[in-house]
N, C-alpha and C. Protein backbone atom coordinates (compact mmCIF):
# COMPACT_ATOMS: atom_id res chain seq x y z
N MET A 1 -112.52 -52.55 -4.02
CA MET A 1 -111.22 -51.95 -4.24
C MET A 1 -110.13 -52.76 -3.55
N ASN A 2 -110.45 -53.32 -2.40
CA ASN A 2 -109.48 -54.10 -1.65
C ASN A 2 -109.08 -55.36 -2.42
N TYR A 3 -110.03 -55.99 -3.10
CA TYR A 3 -109.72 -57.17 -3.91
C TYR A 3 -108.80 -56.80 -5.08
N PHE A 4 -109.06 -55.63 -5.65
CA PHE A 4 -108.23 -55.18 -6.77
C PHE A 4 -106.78 -54.98 -6.35
N SER A 5 -106.56 -54.33 -5.24
CA SER A 5 -105.18 -54.09 -4.79
C SER A 5 -104.50 -55.39 -4.39
N THR A 6 -105.25 -56.33 -3.79
CA THR A 6 -104.68 -57.64 -3.45
C THR A 6 -104.31 -58.40 -4.71
N ALA A 7 -105.17 -58.40 -5.71
CA ALA A 7 -104.90 -59.08 -6.97
C ALA A 7 -103.70 -58.45 -7.67
N LEU A 8 -103.60 -57.13 -7.63
CA LEU A 8 -102.47 -56.43 -8.24
C LEU A 8 -101.17 -56.80 -7.54
N TRP A 9 -101.19 -56.90 -6.21
CA TRP A 9 -100.01 -57.25 -5.44
C TRP A 9 -99.57 -58.68 -5.78
N ILE A 10 -100.51 -59.61 -5.85
CA ILE A 10 -100.20 -61.00 -6.18
C ILE A 10 -99.63 -61.10 -7.59
N PHE A 11 -100.24 -60.39 -8.54
CA PHE A 11 -99.76 -60.40 -9.92
C PHE A 11 -98.33 -59.85 -9.99
N ALA A 12 -98.07 -58.76 -9.29
CA ALA A 12 -96.72 -58.17 -9.29
C ALA A 12 -95.72 -59.13 -8.67
N PHE A 13 -96.09 -59.80 -7.60
CA PHE A 13 -95.19 -60.73 -6.93
C PHE A 13 -94.87 -61.92 -7.82
N LEU A 14 -95.88 -62.49 -8.46
CA LEU A 14 -95.67 -63.66 -9.32
C LEU A 14 -94.96 -63.29 -10.62
N GLY A 15 -95.16 -62.08 -11.11
CA GLY A 15 -94.53 -61.65 -12.35
C GLY A 15 -93.06 -61.32 -12.21
N CYS A 16 -92.57 -61.12 -11.00
CA CYS A 16 -91.18 -60.72 -10.77
C CYS A 16 -90.33 -61.90 -10.31
N GLN A 17 -90.39 -62.97 -11.01
CA GLN A 17 -89.58 -64.14 -10.65
C GLN A 17 -88.19 -63.97 -11.23
N SER A 18 -87.19 -64.37 -10.47
CA SER A 18 -85.82 -64.26 -10.95
C SER A 18 -85.49 -65.44 -11.86
N ILE A 19 -84.49 -65.21 -12.73
CA ILE A 19 -84.04 -66.26 -13.63
C ILE A 19 -83.16 -67.22 -12.83
N PRO A 20 -83.38 -68.51 -12.93
CA PRO A 20 -82.52 -69.45 -12.22
C PRO A 20 -81.06 -69.25 -12.60
N HIS A 21 -80.15 -69.48 -11.67
CA HIS A 21 -78.72 -69.24 -11.89
C HIS A 21 -78.19 -70.05 -13.07
N ALA A 22 -78.63 -71.26 -13.26
CA ALA A 22 -78.15 -72.10 -14.37
C ALA A 22 -78.52 -71.49 -15.71
N ALA A 23 -79.72 -70.87 -15.80
CA ALA A 23 -80.14 -70.28 -17.06
C ALA A 23 -79.44 -68.96 -17.33
N ALA A 24 -79.02 -68.25 -16.26
CA ALA A 24 -78.37 -66.96 -16.44
C ALA A 24 -77.00 -67.12 -17.09
N ASN A 25 -76.26 -68.15 -16.76
CA ASN A 25 -74.95 -68.39 -17.34
C ASN A 25 -75.00 -69.63 -18.23
N GLN A 26 -75.56 -69.46 -19.41
CA GLN A 26 -75.67 -70.56 -20.35
C GLN A 26 -74.33 -70.79 -21.03
N THR A 27 -74.07 -72.00 -21.41
CA THR A 27 -72.84 -72.27 -22.13
C THR A 27 -73.01 -71.88 -23.59
N LEU A 28 -71.90 -71.70 -24.24
CA LEU A 28 -71.88 -71.38 -25.66
C LEU A 28 -72.64 -72.44 -26.46
N GLU A 29 -72.39 -73.69 -26.13
CA GLU A 29 -73.04 -74.80 -26.85
C GLU A 29 -74.55 -74.79 -26.66
N ASP A 30 -75.02 -74.46 -25.45
CA ASP A 30 -76.46 -74.40 -25.18
C ASP A 30 -77.14 -73.34 -26.03
N VAL A 31 -76.54 -72.16 -26.10
CA VAL A 31 -77.13 -71.06 -26.86
C VAL A 31 -77.17 -71.40 -28.35
N ILE A 32 -76.08 -71.94 -28.87
CA ILE A 32 -76.02 -72.29 -30.29
C ILE A 32 -77.03 -73.38 -30.62
N ALA A 33 -77.12 -74.41 -29.79
CA ALA A 33 -78.07 -75.49 -30.03
C ALA A 33 -79.51 -74.98 -30.01
N ARG A 34 -79.82 -74.11 -29.05
CA ARG A 34 -81.18 -73.58 -28.94
C ARG A 34 -81.54 -72.67 -30.12
N GLU A 35 -80.60 -71.82 -30.53
CA GLU A 35 -80.91 -70.82 -31.56
C GLU A 35 -80.75 -71.33 -32.99
N LEU A 36 -79.78 -72.23 -33.22
CA LEU A 36 -79.50 -72.67 -34.59
C LEU A 36 -79.75 -74.15 -34.84
N GLY A 37 -79.82 -74.94 -33.78
CA GLY A 37 -80.01 -76.37 -33.94
C GLY A 37 -78.69 -77.07 -34.19
N PRO A 38 -78.75 -78.36 -34.53
CA PRO A 38 -77.51 -79.14 -34.74
C PRO A 38 -76.83 -78.77 -36.05
N GLY A 39 -75.53 -79.03 -36.11
CA GLY A 39 -74.80 -78.85 -37.35
C GLY A 39 -74.27 -77.46 -37.61
N ALA A 40 -74.28 -76.59 -36.61
CA ALA A 40 -73.79 -75.23 -36.81
C ALA A 40 -72.27 -75.21 -36.83
N THR A 41 -71.71 -74.35 -37.65
CA THR A 41 -70.27 -74.12 -37.70
C THR A 41 -69.95 -73.01 -36.72
N VAL A 42 -68.88 -73.17 -35.92
CA VAL A 42 -68.51 -72.18 -34.90
C VAL A 42 -67.08 -71.73 -35.14
N GLU A 43 -66.87 -70.41 -35.17
CA GLU A 43 -65.54 -69.83 -35.32
C GLU A 43 -65.38 -68.75 -34.26
N LYS A 44 -64.36 -68.86 -33.43
CA LYS A 44 -64.09 -67.85 -32.42
C LYS A 44 -63.25 -66.72 -33.01
N ASN A 45 -63.36 -65.52 -32.42
CA ASN A 45 -62.54 -64.40 -32.86
C ASN A 45 -61.10 -64.60 -32.40
N GLN A 46 -60.22 -63.67 -32.77
CA GLN A 46 -58.79 -63.82 -32.47
C GLN A 46 -58.51 -63.92 -30.98
N SER A 47 -59.22 -63.15 -30.17
CA SER A 47 -58.97 -63.16 -28.73
C SER A 47 -59.71 -64.28 -28.00
N GLY A 48 -60.61 -64.98 -28.69
CA GLY A 48 -61.36 -66.07 -28.08
C GLY A 48 -62.49 -65.62 -27.17
N THR A 49 -62.87 -64.35 -27.24
CA THR A 49 -63.93 -63.82 -26.38
C THR A 49 -65.31 -63.91 -27.00
N LEU A 50 -65.39 -63.99 -28.32
CA LEU A 50 -66.66 -64.06 -29.03
C LEU A 50 -66.64 -65.26 -29.97
N ALA A 51 -67.81 -65.84 -30.20
CA ALA A 51 -67.93 -66.96 -31.13
C ALA A 51 -69.00 -66.64 -32.17
N LEU A 52 -68.65 -66.82 -33.42
CA LEU A 52 -69.57 -66.69 -34.55
C LEU A 52 -70.04 -68.08 -34.90
N ALA A 53 -71.34 -68.28 -34.88
CA ALA A 53 -71.91 -69.58 -35.24
C ALA A 53 -72.90 -69.36 -36.38
N TYR A 54 -72.89 -70.28 -37.35
CA TYR A 54 -73.80 -70.12 -38.48
C TYR A 54 -74.21 -71.48 -39.03
N VAL A 55 -75.36 -71.46 -39.68
CA VAL A 55 -75.89 -72.65 -40.34
C VAL A 55 -76.58 -72.17 -41.62
N GLU A 56 -76.40 -72.92 -42.70
CA GLU A 56 -77.01 -72.57 -43.98
C GLU A 56 -78.11 -73.56 -44.31
N LYS A 57 -79.29 -73.02 -44.59
CA LYS A 57 -80.44 -73.84 -44.98
C LYS A 57 -81.19 -73.12 -46.10
N GLU A 58 -81.44 -73.84 -47.16
CA GLU A 58 -82.22 -73.34 -48.29
C GLU A 58 -81.72 -71.98 -48.78
N ARG A 59 -80.43 -71.87 -49.02
CA ARG A 59 -79.77 -70.68 -49.55
C ARG A 59 -79.80 -69.48 -48.60
N ASN A 60 -80.21 -69.69 -47.37
CA ASN A 60 -80.18 -68.63 -46.36
C ASN A 60 -79.18 -69.00 -45.28
N LEU A 61 -78.46 -68.02 -44.79
CA LEU A 61 -77.48 -68.21 -43.74
C LEU A 61 -78.00 -67.53 -42.47
N THR A 62 -78.19 -68.31 -41.43
CA THR A 62 -78.57 -67.76 -40.13
C THR A 62 -77.34 -67.79 -39.26
N TYR A 63 -77.00 -66.63 -38.69
CA TYR A 63 -75.81 -66.58 -37.86
C TYR A 63 -76.08 -65.84 -36.56
N LEU A 64 -75.23 -66.10 -35.59
CA LEU A 64 -75.28 -65.37 -34.33
C LEU A 64 -73.89 -65.25 -33.77
N VAL A 65 -73.71 -64.25 -32.91
CA VAL A 65 -72.46 -64.06 -32.20
C VAL A 65 -72.77 -64.15 -30.72
N VAL A 66 -71.98 -64.96 -30.02
CA VAL A 66 -72.20 -65.20 -28.59
C VAL A 66 -70.94 -64.83 -27.83
N ARG A 67 -71.11 -64.15 -26.70
CA ARG A 67 -69.98 -63.86 -25.82
C ARG A 67 -69.64 -65.14 -25.09
N VAL A 68 -68.40 -65.60 -25.21
CA VAL A 68 -67.99 -66.90 -24.69
C VAL A 68 -68.07 -66.95 -23.16
N ALA A 69 -67.72 -65.87 -22.49
CA ALA A 69 -67.64 -65.87 -21.02
C ALA A 69 -68.96 -66.20 -20.34
N ASP A 70 -70.07 -65.66 -20.87
CA ASP A 70 -71.35 -65.84 -20.18
C ASP A 70 -72.48 -66.35 -21.07
N GLY A 71 -72.20 -66.67 -22.32
CA GLY A 71 -73.23 -67.19 -23.21
C GLY A 71 -74.23 -66.15 -23.66
N GLN A 72 -73.91 -64.87 -23.54
CA GLN A 72 -74.81 -63.79 -23.95
C GLN A 72 -74.79 -63.65 -25.47
N MET A 73 -75.98 -63.71 -26.09
CA MET A 73 -76.07 -63.55 -27.53
C MET A 73 -75.99 -62.06 -27.86
N ILE A 74 -75.07 -61.69 -28.74
CA ILE A 74 -74.84 -60.31 -29.11
C ILE A 74 -75.63 -59.93 -30.36
N VAL A 75 -75.55 -60.76 -31.38
CA VAL A 75 -76.19 -60.48 -32.66
C VAL A 75 -76.79 -61.78 -33.20
N LYS A 76 -77.95 -61.66 -33.84
CA LYS A 76 -78.51 -62.78 -34.59
C LYS A 76 -79.12 -62.20 -35.85
N ASN A 77 -78.83 -62.85 -36.99
CA ASN A 77 -79.32 -62.33 -38.25
C ASN A 77 -79.47 -63.47 -39.25
N LYS A 78 -80.30 -63.24 -40.25
CA LYS A 78 -80.51 -64.20 -41.33
C LYS A 78 -80.34 -63.45 -42.64
N ILE A 79 -79.43 -63.95 -43.49
CA ILE A 79 -79.13 -63.29 -44.75
C ILE A 79 -79.00 -64.31 -45.87
N ARG A 80 -78.98 -63.80 -47.09
CA ARG A 80 -78.56 -64.60 -48.25
C ARG A 80 -77.17 -64.13 -48.58
N GLY A 81 -76.17 -64.90 -48.15
CA GLY A 81 -74.79 -64.50 -48.37
C GLY A 81 -73.86 -65.22 -47.42
N SER A 82 -72.87 -64.47 -46.90
CA SER A 82 -71.88 -65.06 -46.01
C SER A 82 -71.49 -64.07 -44.93
N VAL A 83 -70.86 -64.61 -43.88
CA VAL A 83 -70.36 -63.78 -42.79
C VAL A 83 -69.05 -64.37 -42.31
N THR A 84 -68.07 -63.49 -42.05
CA THR A 84 -66.76 -63.91 -41.58
C THR A 84 -66.25 -62.88 -40.57
N TRP A 85 -65.22 -63.27 -39.82
CA TRP A 85 -64.55 -62.31 -38.95
C TRP A 85 -63.69 -61.40 -39.83
N HIS A 86 -63.82 -60.11 -39.65
CA HIS A 86 -63.00 -59.12 -40.36
C HIS A 86 -61.86 -58.64 -39.46
N ALA A 87 -62.15 -58.51 -38.17
CA ALA A 87 -61.18 -58.15 -37.13
C ALA A 87 -61.67 -58.79 -35.84
N ASP A 88 -60.98 -58.53 -34.74
CA ASP A 88 -61.31 -59.20 -33.48
C ASP A 88 -62.76 -58.99 -33.05
N GLN A 89 -63.30 -57.78 -33.23
CA GLN A 89 -64.69 -57.52 -32.85
C GLN A 89 -65.50 -56.94 -34.00
N VAL A 90 -65.11 -57.30 -35.23
CA VAL A 90 -65.80 -56.79 -36.41
C VAL A 90 -66.15 -57.95 -37.33
N LEU A 91 -67.43 -58.03 -37.71
CA LEU A 91 -67.89 -59.03 -38.68
C LEU A 91 -67.96 -58.41 -40.07
N LYS A 92 -67.74 -59.21 -41.07
CA LYS A 92 -67.94 -58.80 -42.46
C LYS A 92 -69.10 -59.62 -43.00
N GLU A 93 -70.19 -58.94 -43.31
CA GLU A 93 -71.40 -59.58 -43.82
C GLU A 93 -71.53 -59.23 -45.30
N THR A 94 -71.55 -60.25 -46.13
CA THR A 94 -71.70 -60.05 -47.58
C THR A 94 -73.00 -60.69 -48.02
N SER A 95 -73.88 -59.87 -48.59
CA SER A 95 -75.17 -60.39 -49.04
C SER A 95 -75.17 -60.60 -50.55
N VAL A 96 -76.00 -61.53 -50.97
CA VAL A 96 -76.15 -61.83 -52.39
C VAL A 96 -77.42 -61.14 -52.86
N PRO A 97 -77.30 -60.21 -53.80
CA PRO A 97 -78.50 -59.49 -54.26
C PRO A 97 -79.39 -60.38 -55.13
N GLY A 98 -80.68 -60.06 -55.10
CA GLY A 98 -81.62 -60.79 -55.96
C GLY A 98 -81.44 -60.40 -57.42
N ILE A 99 -81.30 -59.11 -57.66
CA ILE A 99 -81.11 -58.59 -59.02
C ILE A 99 -79.86 -57.71 -58.99
N ILE A 100 -78.93 -57.96 -59.89
CA ILE A 100 -77.70 -57.17 -59.95
C ILE A 100 -77.91 -56.03 -60.93
N LYS A 101 -77.64 -54.82 -60.44
CA LYS A 101 -77.75 -53.63 -61.29
C LYS A 101 -76.45 -53.44 -62.06
N ALA A 102 -76.53 -52.75 -63.18
CA ALA A 102 -75.37 -52.59 -64.07
C ALA A 102 -74.21 -51.85 -63.40
N ASP A 103 -74.49 -50.89 -62.55
CA ASP A 103 -73.42 -50.08 -61.96
C ASP A 103 -73.01 -50.53 -60.55
N GLU A 104 -73.42 -51.71 -60.13
CA GLU A 104 -73.10 -52.20 -58.78
C GLU A 104 -71.69 -52.78 -58.71
N LYS A 105 -71.10 -52.63 -57.51
CA LYS A 105 -69.81 -53.24 -57.22
C LYS A 105 -70.03 -54.27 -56.11
N ALA A 106 -69.09 -55.16 -55.94
CA ALA A 106 -69.19 -56.17 -54.89
C ALA A 106 -69.28 -55.53 -53.51
N THR A 107 -68.60 -54.43 -53.32
CA THR A 107 -68.60 -53.76 -52.01
C THR A 107 -69.95 -53.13 -51.67
N ASP A 108 -70.83 -52.98 -52.65
CA ASP A 108 -72.17 -52.43 -52.38
C ASP A 108 -72.99 -53.36 -51.50
N HIS A 109 -72.60 -54.61 -51.43
CA HIS A 109 -73.37 -55.61 -50.68
C HIS A 109 -72.60 -56.12 -49.47
N THR A 110 -71.65 -55.31 -48.99
CA THR A 110 -70.83 -55.70 -47.85
C THR A 110 -71.03 -54.73 -46.70
N LYS A 111 -71.25 -55.27 -45.50
CA LYS A 111 -71.39 -54.47 -44.29
C LYS A 111 -70.32 -54.90 -43.30
N LEU A 112 -69.76 -53.95 -42.60
CA LEU A 112 -68.90 -54.26 -41.46
C LEU A 112 -69.69 -53.97 -40.20
N ILE A 113 -69.78 -54.94 -39.33
CA ILE A 113 -70.56 -54.82 -38.11
C ILE A 113 -69.60 -54.77 -36.94
N ASP A 114 -69.51 -53.60 -36.30
CA ASP A 114 -68.61 -53.39 -35.17
C ASP A 114 -69.32 -53.84 -33.90
N LEU A 115 -68.93 -54.98 -33.37
CA LEU A 115 -69.60 -55.55 -32.21
C LEU A 115 -69.25 -54.83 -30.91
N SER A 116 -68.16 -54.07 -30.90
CA SER A 116 -67.77 -53.40 -29.66
C SER A 116 -68.71 -52.25 -29.32
N VAL A 117 -69.37 -51.68 -30.31
CA VAL A 117 -70.31 -50.59 -30.04
C VAL A 117 -71.70 -50.90 -30.60
N TYR A 118 -71.90 -52.09 -31.15
CA TYR A 118 -73.18 -52.54 -31.67
C TYR A 118 -73.74 -51.62 -32.76
N LYS A 119 -72.87 -51.13 -33.62
CA LYS A 119 -73.31 -50.32 -34.74
C LYS A 119 -73.01 -51.07 -36.03
N ILE A 120 -73.85 -50.85 -37.03
CA ILE A 120 -73.64 -51.48 -38.33
C ILE A 120 -73.13 -50.40 -39.29
N HIS A 121 -71.98 -50.67 -39.90
CA HIS A 121 -71.36 -49.72 -40.82
C HIS A 121 -71.44 -50.27 -42.23
N GLN A 122 -71.84 -49.43 -43.17
CA GLN A 122 -71.81 -49.82 -44.57
C GLN A 122 -70.36 -49.75 -45.04
N HIS A 123 -69.91 -50.72 -45.81
CA HIS A 123 -68.53 -50.72 -46.32
C HIS A 123 -68.52 -50.25 -47.75
């Protein structure tokens, strides 16, 4: 039993390592390069506090939103369509449907994503 408690203590000690300070405050460029690779397009919101970065490959758009101050990734998603800033903290995501139904409207494939409360709203 003594070996078990010693092993548990060692495992707990080694498992609770802190994140190095340099990794905790990543730059915007570091996060975008790691998550999307080279060639990403970056657009900041009106206040300059958030950055939308995206890259299109094989008809799919992968995008993410990063908080500029600390490099914290807020949202990451992959869609067939487009994404733009709708307001300072709101994204407009428009998807391209595979099959278009007769009674569909363009707004049926549009979502507004409110980043201030992390909720996704259908438009």
